[in-house]
Amino acid sequence: MSQEQRRPRREPVSRGSSINSTMSIVVAVVAVLLGFLILRDIRGGSTTAPAADGGATTDTVVTDTIPVETTVAVTIPLTAFKIQVANASKVSGSAGQLTTELQGRGYIVQPAVNTSETTPKQTTTVVYYLPGSEGQAALVAAELGGVATAIMPAPIPTEGGKLGEASVLILLGTDVAGKPLASPVPTVPVAPAVVDPNAPTTVPGG
């Protein structure tokens, strides 16, 4: 056997398969590039429609609404209650003078009286009131310059222990007796400065 016959034959290289592989790579690269370009266009695009005023946009800010509490002043008619002035200052004529001044300001005031015989001289004026008349007492106390108010004691410290039709009693002391009232206040507090009914008072209990 000759040497030429013993040599193995070489298989011819297929040019078609090599071309197909190259085309596949090129198509894949082109596809990747196209996908990249498409994504870039999508991300770079604007989804906001232009405004009618030439492209300017306005942002609307929504804030929470907080309710505001308002205080309404309560007006008490001066003619809706009656006042009794009792002279505990021992200053002659001072209760009558105060009665006249209060009447001149529109209050309904009964004729002035003296205090009971057991009631000592008072240096501090106190406005006493029957239950339910706290606002009226506060109004009168403010008229007198901001004196204290308290629930009506028992017995009532007037001559004979009577109050008549009044629901507010001014136990006139020397701090207010014989002095003219101050100018009318523009606003009147409704809540009275209540004196503790359990606290000892200068009015004897009987």
C-alpha atoms as a PDB file:
ATOM      1  CA  MET A   1       0.000   0.000   0.000  1.00  0.00           C
ATOM      2  CA  SER A   2       1.357   3.382  -0.940  1.00  0.00           C
ATOM      3  CA  GLN A   3       1.785   6.270   1.460  1.00  0.00           C
ATOM      4  CA  GLU A   4      -0.740   8.374  -0.423  1.00  0.00           C
ATOM      5  CA  GLN A   5      -3.367   5.819   0.277  1.00  0.00           C
ATOM      6  CA  ARG A   6      -2.570   5.770   4.025  1.00  0.00           C
ATOM      7  CA  ARG A   7      -2.976   9.575   4.475  1.00  0.00           C
ATOM      8  CA  PRO A   8      -6.448  10.561   5.846  1.00  0.00           C
ATOM      9  CA  ARG A   9      -8.520  12.732   3.721  1.00  0.00           C
ATOM     10  CA  ARG A  10      -9.418  16.187   4.976  1.00  0.00           C
ATOM     11  CA  GLU A  11     -13.101  17.125   5.075  1.00  0.00           C
ATOM     12  CA  PRO A  12     -13.857  20.272   3.188  1.00  0.00           C
ATOM     13  CA  VAL A  13     -14.882  23.232   5.375  1.00  0.00           C
ATOM     14  CA  SER A  14     -18.453  24.261   4.902  1.00  0.00           C
ATOM     15  CA  ARG A  15     -18.590  27.911   4.005  1.00  0.00           C
ATOM     16  CA  GLY A  16     -22.367  28.047   4.429  1.00  0.00           C
ATOM     17  CA  SER A  17     -22.356  27.280   8.132  1.00  0.00           C
ATOM     18  CA  SER A  18     -19.749  29.958   8.772  1.00  0.00           C
ATOM     19  CA  ILE A  19     -21.789  32.553   6.937  1.00  0.00           C
ATOM     20  CA  ASN A  20     -24.927  31.603   8.867  1.00  0.00           C
ATOM     21  CA  SER A  21     -23.140  32.034  12.205  1.00  0.00           C
ATOM     22  CA  THR A  22     -21.882  35.457  11.196  1.00  0.00           C
ATOM     23  CA  MET A  23     -25.341  36.578  10.095  1.00  0.00           C
ATOM     24  CA  SER A  24     -26.845  35.429  13.374  1.00  0.00           C
ATOM     25  CA  ILE A  25     -24.359  37.497  15.347  1.00  0.00           C
ATOM     26  CA  VAL A  26     -25.010  40.563  13.195  1.00  0.00           C
ATOM     27  CA  VAL A  27     -28.799  40.210  13.591  1.00  0.00           C
ATOM     28  CA  ALA A  28     -28.447  39.851  17.365  1.00  0.00           C
ATOM     29  CA  VAL A  29     -26.282  42.972  17.585  1.00  0.00           C
ATOM     30  CA  VAL A  30     -28.711  44.952  15.437  1.00  0.00           C
ATOM     31  CA  ALA A  31     -31.628  43.778  17.622  1.00  0.00           C
ATOM     32  CA  VAL A  32     -29.835  44.852  20.792  1.00  0.00           C
ATOM     33  CA  LEU A  33     -29.057  48.270  19.325  1.00  0.00           C
ATOM     34  CA  LEU A  34     -32.651  48.760  18.188  1.00  0.00           C
ATOM     35  CA  GLY A  35     -33.958  47.780  21.612  1.00  0.00           C
ATOM     36  CA  PHE A  36     -31.581  50.208  23.292  1.00  0.00           C
ATOM     37  CA  LEU A  37     -32.673  53.048  21.001  1.00  0.00           C
ATOM     38  CA  ILE A  38     -36.367  52.290  21.606  1.00  0.00           C
ATOM     39  CA  LEU A  39     -35.926  52.265  25.386  1.00  0.00           C
ATOM     40  CA  ARG A  40     -34.024  55.521  25.264  1.00  0.00           C
ATOM     41  CA  ASP A  41     -36.813  57.179  23.267  1.00  0.00           C
ATOM     42  CA  ILE A  42     -39.443  55.905  25.705  1.00  0.00           C
ATOM     43  CA  ARG A  43     -37.546  57.099  28.783  1.00  0.00           C
ATOM     44  CA  GLY A  44     -36.692  60.441  27.275  1.00  0.00           C
ATOM     45  CA  GLY A  45     -40.235  61.134  26.158  1.00  0.00           C
ATOM     46  CA  SER A  46     -42.536  63.352  28.215  1.00  0.00           C
ATOM     47  CA  THR A  47     -45.882  62.027  29.407  1.00  0.00           C
ATOM     48  CA  THR A  48     -47.075  65.445  30.601  1.00  0.00           C
ATOM     49  CA  ALA A  49     -49.293  67.263  28.172  1.00  0.00           C
ATOM     50  CA  PRO A  50     -48.322  70.882  27.603  1.00  0.00           C
ATOM     51  CA  ALA A  51     -50.404  73.439  29.420  1.00  0.00           C
ATOM     52  CA  ALA A  52     -52.674  75.817  27.574  1.00  0.00           C
ATOM     53  CA  ASP A  53     -50.635  78.840  28.677  1.00  0.00           C
ATOM     54  CA  GLY A  54     -47.591  77.977  26.593  1.00  0.00           C
ATOM     55  CA  GLY A  55     -46.107  75.055  28.494  1.00  0.00           C
ATOM     56  CA  ALA A  56     -46.114  76.448  32.020  1.00  0.00           C
ATOM     57  CA  THR A  57     -47.550  74.091  34.614  1.00  0.00           C
ATOM     58  CA  THR A  58     -48.974  74.926  38.010  1.00  0.00           C
ATOM     59  CA  ASP A  59     -48.984  72.673  41.042  1.00  0.00           C
ATOM     60  CA  THR A  60     -52.076  72.539  43.226  1.00  0.00           C
ATOM     61  CA  VAL A  61     -51.279  72.355  46.940  1.00  0.00           C
ATOM     62  CA  VAL A  62     -53.979  70.849  49.134  1.00  0.00           C
ATOM     63  CA  THR A  63     -53.838  71.792  52.793  1.00  0.00           C
ATOM     64  CA  ASP A  64     -55.898  70.484  55.680  1.00  0.00           C
ATOM     65  CA  THR A  65     -58.607  72.819  56.907  1.00  0.00           C
ATOM     66  CA  ILE A  66     -58.363  73.417  60.659  1.00  0.00           C
ATOM     67  CA  PRO A  67     -61.625  74.542  62.313  1.00  0.00           C
ATOM     68  CA  VAL A  68     -61.293  77.722  64.331  1.00  0.00           C
ATOM     69  CA  GLU A  69     -63.220  77.979  67.537  1.00  0.00           C
ATOM     70  CA  THR A  70     -65.007  81.264  68.064  1.00  0.00           C
ATOM     71  CA  THR A  71     -66.227  82.704  71.329  1.00  0.00           C
ATOM     72  CA  VAL A  72     -69.575  84.462  71.299  1.00  0.00           C
ATOM     73  CA  ALA A  73     -70.173  87.023  74.005  1.00  0.00           C
ATOM     74  CA  VAL A  74     -73.425  86.483  75.901  1.00  0.00           C
ATOM     75  CA  THR A  75     -75.406  89.642  76.607  1.00  0.00           C
ATOM     76  CA  ILE A  76     -77.633  89.666  79.687  1.00  0.00           C
ATOM     77  CA  PRO A  77     -80.488  92.196  79.555  1.00  0.00           C
ATOM     78  CA  LEU A  78     -80.238  94.605  82.494  1.00  0.00           C
ATOM     79  CA  THR A  79     -83.991  94.481  82.971  1.00  0.00           C
ATOM     80  CA  ALA A  80     -84.105  90.663  83.184  1.00  0.00           C
ATOM     81  CA  PHE A  81     -83.371  90.608  86.935  1.00  0.00           C
ATOM     82  CA  LYS A  82     -83.663  92.743  90.055  1.00  0.00           C
ATOM     83  CA  ILE A  83     -81.008  93.929  92.487  1.00  0.00           C
ATOM     84  CA  GLN A  84     -81.178  94.639  96.211  1.00  0.00           C
ATOM     85  CA  VAL A  85     -78.590  96.879  97.881  1.00  0.00           C
ATOM     86  CA  ALA A  86     -78.025  96.389 101.625  1.00  0.00           C
ATOM     87  CA  ASN A  87     -75.880  98.889 103.496  1.00  0.00           C
ATOM     88  CA  ALA A  88     -73.215  97.024 105.477  1.00  0.00           C
ATOM     89  CA  SER A  89     -70.727  99.911 105.409  1.00  0.00           C
ATOM     90  CA  LYS A  90     -72.424 101.956 108.137  1.00  0.00           C
ATOM     91  CA  VAL A  91     -71.920 104.965 105.837  1.00  0.00           C
ATOM     92  CA  SER A  92     -75.222 106.813 105.934  1.00  0.00           C
ATOM     93  CA  GLY A  93     -76.968 107.172 102.566  1.00  0.00           C
ATOM     94  CA  SER A  94     -74.387 105.107 100.651  1.00  0.00           C
ATOM     95  CA  ALA A  95     -76.820 102.288  99.771  1.00  0.00           C
ATOM     96  CA  GLY A  96     -79.364 104.787  98.434  1.00  0.00           C
ATOM     97  CA  GLN A  97     -76.655 106.533  96.389  1.00  0.00           C
ATOM     98  CA  LEU A  98     -75.552 103.241  94.824  1.00  0.00           C
ATOM     99  CA  THR A  99     -79.154 102.298  94.121  1.00  0.00           C
ATOM    100  CA  THR A 100     -79.711 105.558  92.236  1.00  0.00           C
ATOM    101  CA  GLU A 101     -76.516 105.159  90.199  1.00  0.00           C
ATOM    102  CA  LEU A 102     -77.369 101.590  89.168  1.00  0.00           C
ATOM    103  CA  GLN A 103     -80.883 102.642  88.183  1.00  0.00           C
ATOM    104  CA  GLY A 104     -79.363 105.389  86.059  1.00  0.00           C
ATOM    105  CA  ARG A 105     -77.404 102.747  84.155  1.00  0.00           C
ATOM    106  CA  GLY A 106     -80.492 100.727  83.338  1.00  0.00           C
ATOM    107  CA  TYR A 107     -80.640  98.212  86.177  1.00  0.00           C
ATOM    108  CA  ILE A 108     -83.806  97.443  88.088  1.00  0.00           C
ATOM    109  CA  VAL A 109     -82.921  98.051  91.733  1.00  0.00           C
ATOM    110  CA  GLN A 110     -85.294  97.773  94.676  1.00  0.00           C
ATOM    111  CA  PRO A 111     -85.262 100.461  97.387  1.00  0.00           C
ATOM    112  CA  ALA A 112     -82.118 100.273  99.510  1.00  0.00           C
ATOM    113  CA  VAL A 113     -82.270  98.528 102.891  1.00  0.00           C
ATOM    114  CA  ASN A 114     -80.039  98.061 105.883  1.00  0.00           C
ATOM    115  CA  THR A 115     -78.426  94.821 106.925  1.00  0.00           C
ATOM    116  CA  SER A 116     -79.631  92.693 109.802  1.00  0.00           C
ATOM    117  CA  GLU A 117     -78.725  93.693 113.347  1.00  0.00           C
ATOM    118  CA  THR A 118     -76.359  90.741 113.644  1.00  0.00           C
ATOM    119  CA  THR A 119     -74.411  91.632 110.487  1.00  0.00           C
ATOM    120  CA  PRO A 120     -71.208  93.462 111.383  1.00  0.00           C
ATOM    121  CA  LYS A 121     -69.684  96.327 109.451  1.00  0.00           C
ATOM    122  CA  GLN A 122     -68.214  95.175 106.145  1.00  0.00           C
ATOM    123  CA  THR A 123     -65.026  96.544 104.617  1.00  0.00           C
ATOM    124  CA  THR A 124     -65.350  94.521 101.406  1.00  0.00           C
ATOM    125  CA  THR A 125     -68.345  94.574  99.079  1.00  0.00           C
ATOM    126  CA  VAL A 126     -69.701  91.172  97.986  1.00  0.00           C
ATOM    127  CA  VAL A 127     -72.369  90.443  95.380  1.00  0.00           C
ATOM    128  CA  TYR A 128     -74.511  87.485  96.456  1.00  0.00           C
ATOM    129  CA  TYR A 129     -76.821  85.617  94.094  1.00  0.00           C
ATOM    130  CA  LEU A 130     -79.539  82.993  94.124  1.00  0.00           C
ATOM    131  CA  PRO A 131     -78.839  79.698  92.287  1.00  0.00           C
ATOM    132  CA  GLY A 132     -79.076  80.255  88.538  1.00  0.00           C
ATOM    133  CA  SER A 133     -78.159  83.954  88.700  1.00  0.00           C
ATOM    134  CA  GLU A 134     -74.368  83.600  88.508  1.00  0.00           C
ATOM    135  CA  GLY A 135     -74.170  85.536  85.233  1.00  0.00           C
ATOM    136  CA  GLN A 136     -76.261  88.414  86.570  1.00  0.00           C
ATOM    137  CA  ALA A 137     -74.087  88.603  89.685  1.00  0.00           C
ATOM    138  CA  ALA A 138     -70.942  88.699  87.546  1.00  0.00           C
ATOM    139  CA  LEU A 139     -72.430  91.554  85.529  1.00  0.00           C
ATOM    140  CA  VAL A 140     -73.137  93.573  88.677  1.00  0.00           C
ATOM    141  CA  ALA A 141     -69.750  92.735  90.210  1.00  0.00           C
ATOM    142  CA  ALA A 142     -68.007  94.041  87.081  1.00  0.00           C
ATOM    143  CA  GLU A 143     -70.096  97.218  87.291  1.00  0.00           C
ATOM    144  CA  LEU A 144     -68.817  97.728  90.842  1.00  0.00           C
ATOM    145  CA  GLY A 145     -65.201  97.407  89.776  1.00  0.00           C
ATOM    146  CA  GLY A 146     -64.690  93.647  89.914  1.00  0.00           C
ATOM    147  CA  VAL A 147     -65.787  92.764  93.441  1.00  0.00           C
ATOM    148  CA  ALA A 148     -66.234  89.144  94.504  1.00  0.00           C
ATOM    149  CA  THR A 149     -69.427  87.123  94.050  1.00  0.00           C
ATOM    150  CA  ALA A 150     -70.806  84.277  96.156  1.00  0.00           C
ATOM    151  CA  ILE A 151     -73.887  82.123  96.583  1.00  0.00           C
ATOM    152  CA  MET A 152     -76.603  83.657  98.751  1.00  0.00           C
ATOM    153  CA  PRO A 153     -75.983  82.887 102.444  1.00  0.00           C
ATOM    154  CA  ALA A 154     -78.655  81.705 104.845  1.00  0.00           C
ATOM    155  CA  PRO A 155     -80.168  83.540 106.519  1.00  0.00           C
ATOM    156  CA  ILE A 156     -80.156  86.449 104.088  1.00  0.00           C
ATOM    157  CA  PRO A 157     -78.163  89.280 105.725  1.00  0.00           C
ATOM    158  CA  THR A 158     -80.795  91.978 105.179  1.00  0.00           C
ATOM    159  CA  GLU A 159     -83.084  93.661 107.652  1.00  0.00           C
ATOM    160  CA  GLY A 160     -85.850  91.141 108.242  1.00  0.00           C
ATOM    161  CA  GLY A 161     -84.007  88.503 106.203  1.00  0.00           C
ATOM    162  CA  LYS A 162     -86.003  89.384 103.087  1.00  0.00           C
ATOM    163  CA  LEU A 163     -84.876  89.795  99.492  1.00  0.00           C
ATOM    164  CA  GLY A 164     -88.140  90.712  97.818  1.00  0.00           C
ATOM    165  CA  GLU A 165     -88.127  89.971  94.076  1.00  0.00           C
ATOM    166  CA  ALA A 166     -84.386  90.419  93.735  1.00  0.00           C
ATOM    167  CA  SER A 167     -82.086  87.568  92.745  1.00  0.00           C
ATOM    168  CA  VAL A 168     -78.882  89.544  93.334  1.00  0.00           C
ATOM    169  CA  LEU A 169     -77.882  91.179  96.629  1.00  0.00           C
ATOM    170  CA  ILE A 170     -75.134  93.780  96.959  1.00  0.00           C
ATOM    171  CA  LEU A 171     -73.780  93.691 100.502  1.00  0.00           C
ATOM    172  CA  LEU A 172     -72.212  97.156 100.406  1.00  0.00           C
ATOM    173  CA  GLY A 173     -68.882  97.571 102.189  1.00  0.00           C
ATOM    174  CA  THR A 174     -66.715 100.576 102.882  1.00  0.00           C
ATOM    175  CA  ASP A 175     -64.551  99.917  99.792  1.00  0.00           C
ATOM    176  CA  VAL A 176     -67.390 100.983  97.471  1.00  0.00           C
ATOM    177  CA  ALA A 177     -69.689 102.993  99.769  1.00  0.00           C
ATOM    178  CA  GLY A 178     -69.985 106.682  98.911  1.00  0.00           C
ATOM    179  CA  LYS A 179     -67.769 106.356  95.821  1.00  0.00           C
ATOM    180  CA  PRO A 180     -69.073 106.991  92.288  1.00  0.00           C
ATOM    181  CA  LEU A 181     -69.131 104.073  89.920  1.00  0.00           C
ATOM    182  CA  ALA A 182     -66.416 103.816  87.317  1.00  0.00           C
ATOM    183  CA  SER A 183     -67.143 104.365  83.652  1.00  0.00           C
ATOM    184  CA  PRO A 184     -69.206 101.562  82.066  1.00  0.00           C
ATOM    185  CA  VAL A 185     -67.100  98.665  80.873  1.00  0.00           C
ATOM    186  CA  PRO A 186     -67.381  97.845  77.117  1.00  0.00           C
ATOM    187  CA  THR A 187     -67.572  94.092  77.675  1.00  0.00           C
ATOM    188  CA  VAL A 188     -68.822  92.142  80.640  1.00  0.00           C
ATOM    189  CA  PRO A 189     -67.471  88.739  81.678  1.00  0.00           C
ATOM    190  CA  VAL A 190     -70.145  86.096  81.980  1.00  0.00           C
ATOM    191  CA  ALA A 191     -68.333  83.648  84.259  1.00  0.00           C
ATOM    192  CA  PRO A 192     -68.487  84.914  87.864  1.00  0.00           C
ATOM    193  CA  ALA A 193     -65.604  84.812  90.315  1.00  0.00           C
ATOM    194  CA  VAL A 194     -67.346  82.410  92.659  1.00  0.00           C
ATOM    195  CA  VAL A 195     -66.435  82.429  96.330  1.00  0.00           C
ATOM    196  CA  ASP A 196     -66.187  79.008  97.976  1.00  0.00           C
ATOM    197  CA  PRO A 197     -69.488  78.548  99.880  1.00  0.00           C
ATOM    198  CA  ASN A 198     -67.658  76.410 102.445  1.00  0.00           C
ATOM    199  CA  ALA A 199     -65.216  79.198 103.255  1.00  0.00           C
ATOM    200  CA  PRO A 200     -66.016  81.299 106.354  1.00  0.00           C
ATOM    201  CA  THR A 201     -67.738  84.598 105.662  1.00  0.00           C
ATOM    202  CA  THR A 202     -68.122  87.761 107.682  1.00  0.00           C
ATOM    203  CA  VAL A 203     -71.881  87.268 107.682  1.00  0.00           C
ATOM    204  CA  PRO A 204     -73.024  85.410 110.826  1.00  0.00           C
ATOM    205  CA  GLY A 205     -74.980  82.238 110.304  1.00  0.00           C
ATOM    206  CA  GLY A 206     -77.686  83.068 112.808  1.00  0.00           C
END
